[in-house]
């Protein structure tokens, strides 16, 4: 913009350009983080089903009970059906762990059981 004529249409064009590029980048970042979030939820569910100290207490009702508690905590997209999807997503794509930062690569819950 330094070489462009400094007039209002040029300013509007510059602001629109920056806005569109940043909005696209933010959207990509949100999509990546939601994918990782859902995969990690699946990982936590998987680890809990394998090693949870009180897993027998919930049995088949685990996903319903968890969905109820997450709903009360206002966690979005964590209904019973979605929780099943997250668990399946984790099992179908275990290689996603390679894309995570070291802090997220090993779920905190899983670390407690190892």
Protein backbone atom coordinates (compact mmCIF):
# COMPACT_ATOMS: atom_id res chain seq x y z
CA UNK A 1 0.00 0.00 0.00
CA UNK A 2 3.02 2.30 0.36
CA UNK A 3 3.25 2.89 -3.38
CA UNK A 4 -0.52 3.09 -3.95
CA UNK A 5 -2.35 6.35 -4.06
CA UNK A 6 -3.67 7.20 -0.60
CA UNK A 7 -7.36 7.63 -1.16
CA UNK A 8 -10.47 6.19 0.45
CA UNK A 9 -11.11 3.46 -2.18
CA UNK A 10 -7.50 2.24 -1.74
CA UNK A 11 -7.94 2.19 2.03
CA UNK A 12 -11.20 0.24 1.75
CA UNK A 13 -9.55 -2.27 -0.62
CA UNK A 14 -6.59 -2.74 1.71
CA UNK A 15 -8.77 -3.27 4.76
CA UNK A 16 -11.03 -5.71 2.88
CA UNK A 17 -8.00 -7.66 1.66
CA UNK A 18 -6.53 -7.97 5.15
CA UNK A 19 -9.91 -8.89 6.60
CA UNK A 20 -10.54 -11.64 4.02
CA UNK A 21 -7.07 -13.18 4.40
CA UNK A 22 -7.20 -13.13 8.19
CA UNK A 23 -10.77 -14.46 8.30
CA UNK A 24 -9.80 -17.37 6.03
CA UNK A 25 -6.77 -18.14 8.17
CA UNK A 26 -8.84 -17.97 11.37
CA UNK A 27 -11.43 -20.30 9.87
CA UNK A 28 -8.75 -22.85 8.98
CA UNK A 29 -7.30 -22.63 12.49
CA UNK A 30 -10.73 -23.16 14.06
CA UNK A 31 -11.39 -26.18 11.84
CA UNK A 32 -8.03 -27.72 12.73
CA UNK A 33 -8.57 -27.15 16.45
CA UNK A 34 -12.09 -28.56 16.39
CA UNK A 35 -10.81 -31.65 14.61
CA UNK A 36 -8.10 -32.09 17.23
CA UNK A 37 -10.59 -31.43 20.03
CA UNK A 38 -12.95 -34.10 18.74
CA UNK A 39 -10.13 -36.60 18.24
CA UNK A 40 -8.83 -35.96 21.77
CA UNK A 41 -12.32 -36.42 23.23
CA UNK A 42 -12.39 -39.76 21.42
CA UNK A 43 -8.98 -40.59 22.88
CA UNK A 44 -10.15 -39.78 26.39
CA UNK A 45 -13.24 -41.94 25.90
CA UNK A 46 -11.17 -44.82 24.60
CA UNK A 47 -8.74 -44.65 27.52
CA UNK A 48 -11.58 -44.38 30.02
CA UNK A 49 -13.34 -47.40 28.54
CA UNK A 50 -10.10 -49.37 28.89
CA UNK A 51 -8.79 -48.15 32.23
CA UNK A 52 -11.34 -45.98 34.03
CA UNK A 53 -11.46 -46.80 37.74
CA UNK A 54 -15.25 -46.45 37.85
CA UNK A 55 -16.06 -47.52 34.29
CA UNK A 56 -18.09 -50.54 35.49
CA UNK A 57 -20.36 -48.17 37.42
CA UNK A 58 -21.48 -46.48 34.21
CA UNK A 59 -21.24 -49.41 31.78
CA UNK A 60 -23.42 -48.86 28.73
CA UNK A 61 -24.70 -45.61 30.20
CA UNK A 62 -21.28 -43.93 30.03
CA UNK A 63 -22.01 -41.90 26.93
CA UNK A 64 -25.42 -40.81 28.22
CA UNK A 65 -24.07 -39.80 31.63
CA UNK A 66 -21.08 -37.99 30.11
CA UNK A 67 -23.31 -36.20 27.60
CA UNK A 68 -25.60 -35.05 30.43
CA UNK A 69 -22.72 -33.73 32.52
CA UNK A 70 -21.06 -31.98 29.57
CA UNK A 71 -24.39 -30.43 28.61
CA UNK A 72 -24.76 -29.04 32.13
CA UNK A 73 -21.23 -27.62 31.80
CA UNK A 74 -22.32 -26.03 28.49
CA UNK A 75 -19.77 -27.93 26.38
CA UNK A 76 -20.97 -27.74 22.79
CA UNK A 77 -21.41 -30.69 20.44
CA UNK A 78 -21.01 -33.36 23.10
CA UNK A 79 -24.35 -35.12 22.94
CA UNK A 80 -24.46 -38.89 23.23
CA UNK A 81 -24.43 -39.38 19.45
CA UNK A 82 -21.49 -37.01 19.01
CA UNK A 83 -19.52 -38.76 21.74
CA UNK A 84 -19.91 -42.05 19.89
CA UNK A 85 -18.71 -40.32 16.74
CA UNK A 86 -15.65 -38.90 18.52
CA UNK A 87 -14.75 -42.35 19.88
CA UNK A 88 -15.09 -43.85 16.40
CA UNK A 89 -13.10 -40.99 14.87
CA UNK A 90 -10.24 -41.66 17.29
CA UNK A 91 -10.25 -45.37 16.51
CA UNK A 92 -10.38 -44.80 12.73
CA UNK A 93 -7.57 -42.22 12.62
CA UNK A 94 -4.96 -43.05 15.26
CA UNK A 95 -2.25 -41.39 13.13
CA UNK A 96 -3.58 -37.94 13.98
CA UNK A 97 -1.49 -38.13 17.15
CA UNK A 98 1.55 -37.32 14.98
CA UNK A 99 0.14 -33.87 14.23
CA UNK A 100 -0.39 -32.90 17.86
CA UNK A 101 1.92 -30.80 19.96
CA UNK A 102 3.74 -32.80 22.67
CA UNK A 103 1.40 -31.38 25.35
CA UNK A 104 -1.63 -32.80 23.55
CA UNK A 105 -0.14 -35.95 22.04
CA UNK A 106 -0.73 -38.02 25.15
CA UNK A 107 -4.09 -37.24 26.77
CA UNK A 108 -3.80 -36.30 30.41
CA UNK A 109 -6.31 -38.96 31.39
CA UNK A 110 -4.35 -41.62 29.52
CA UNK A 111 -1.15 -40.57 31.27
CA UNK A 112 -2.74 -41.27 34.65
CA UNK A 113 -3.43 -44.88 33.72
CA UNK A 114 0.03 -45.69 32.34
